């Protein structure tokens, strides 16, 4: 018959690895972008949008098929 101390020791060896796995799963990774580079990229995108709006040209559909005229 097991004693309470032996039973507690068995549970401890089961709980400790599970607790370690749970704690290691709680990891946050922070990625910081340089503010100047992000602002420069945003300005470039905004400028491209304004240029495309000023031209008022509808965007051509992107297809891989060549334009072929049918003749009858």
Protein backbone atom coordinates (compact mmCIF):
# COMPACT_ATOMS: atom_id res chain seq x y z
CA UNK A 1 0.00 0.00 0.00
CA UNK A 2 1.35 3.43 -0.97
CA UNK A 3 1.80 6.13 1.55
CA UNK A 4 0.58 9.66 1.05
CA UNK A 5 4.15 10.89 0.58
CA UNK A 6 4.80 8.43 -2.24
CA UNK A 7 1.52 9.33 -3.90
CA UNK A 8 2.36 13.05 -3.68
CA UNK A 9 5.83 12.43 -5.15
CA UNK A 10 4.33 10.60 -8.12
CA UNK A 11 1.88 13.44 -8.77
CA UNK A 12 4.67 16.02 -8.47
CA UNK A 13 6.71 14.29 -11.18
CA UNK A 14 3.66 14.36 -13.41
CA UNK A 15 2.63 17.96 -12.70
CA UNK A 16 6.06 19.62 -12.91
CA UNK A 17 6.76 18.73 -16.58
CA UNK A 18 3.23 19.75 -17.55
CA UNK A 19 3.66 23.08 -15.75
CA UNK A 20 7.01 23.63 -17.48
CA UNK A 21 5.41 22.97 -20.88
CA UNK A 22 2.55 25.37 -20.10
CA UNK A 23 4.95 28.13 -19.01
CA UNK A 24 7.18 27.72 -22.04
CA UNK A 25 4.14 28.02 -24.33
CA UNK A 26 3.41 31.48 -22.95
CA UNK A 27 6.08 33.32 -24.91
CA UNK A 28 5.51 36.66 -26.62
CA UNK A 29 7.68 37.72 -29.52
CA UNK A 30 7.79 41.45 -30.17
CA UNK A 31 9.02 42.69 -33.51
CA UNK A 32 9.86 46.37 -33.74
CA UNK A 33 10.04 48.15 -37.07
CA UNK A 34 12.04 51.34 -37.49
CA UNK A 35 9.54 54.21 -37.51
CA UNK A 36 11.39 56.11 -40.24
CA UNK A 37 11.37 53.14 -42.62
CA UNK A 38 7.69 52.45 -41.99
CA UNK A 39 6.80 56.10 -42.56
CA UNK A 40 8.84 56.19 -45.77
CA UNK A 41 7.09 53.07 -47.08
CA UNK A 42 3.67 54.53 -46.19
CA UNK A 43 4.51 57.78 -47.98
CA UNK A 44 5.59 55.84 -51.07
CA UNK A 45 2.33 53.87 -51.14
CA UNK A 46 0.23 57.00 -50.68
CA UNK A 47 2.12 58.76 -53.47
CA UNK A 48 1.52 55.80 -55.82
CA UNK A 49 -2.20 55.84 -55.03
CA UNK A 50 -2.47 59.58 -55.67
CA UNK A 51 -0.64 59.23 -58.99
CA UNK A 52 -2.94 56.44 -60.14
CA UNK A 53 -6.02 58.49 -59.15
CA UNK A 54 -4.79 61.58 -61.03
CA UNK A 55 -4.40 59.57 -64.22
CA UNK A 56 -8.00 58.25 -63.95
CA UNK A 57 -6.97 55.31 -66.07
CA UNK A 58 -8.80 52.13 -65.21
CA UNK A 59 -6.43 49.34 -64.41
CA UNK A 60 -6.12 46.74 -67.14
CA UNK A 61 -7.17 43.28 -66.04
CA UNK A 62 -4.20 41.07 -65.44
CA UNK A 63 -4.44 38.06 -67.73
CA UNK A 64 -1.89 35.74 -69.21
CA UNK A 65 -3.82 35.41 -72.46
CA UNK A 66 -2.68 37.45 -75.48
CA UNK A 67 -5.15 39.88 -76.99
CA UNK A 68 -6.43 38.31 -80.22
CA UNK A 69 -9.07 39.81 -82.54
CA UNK A 70 -11.48 37.42 -84.18
CA UNK A 71 -12.19 37.91 -87.86
CA UNK A 72 -15.11 36.39 -89.76
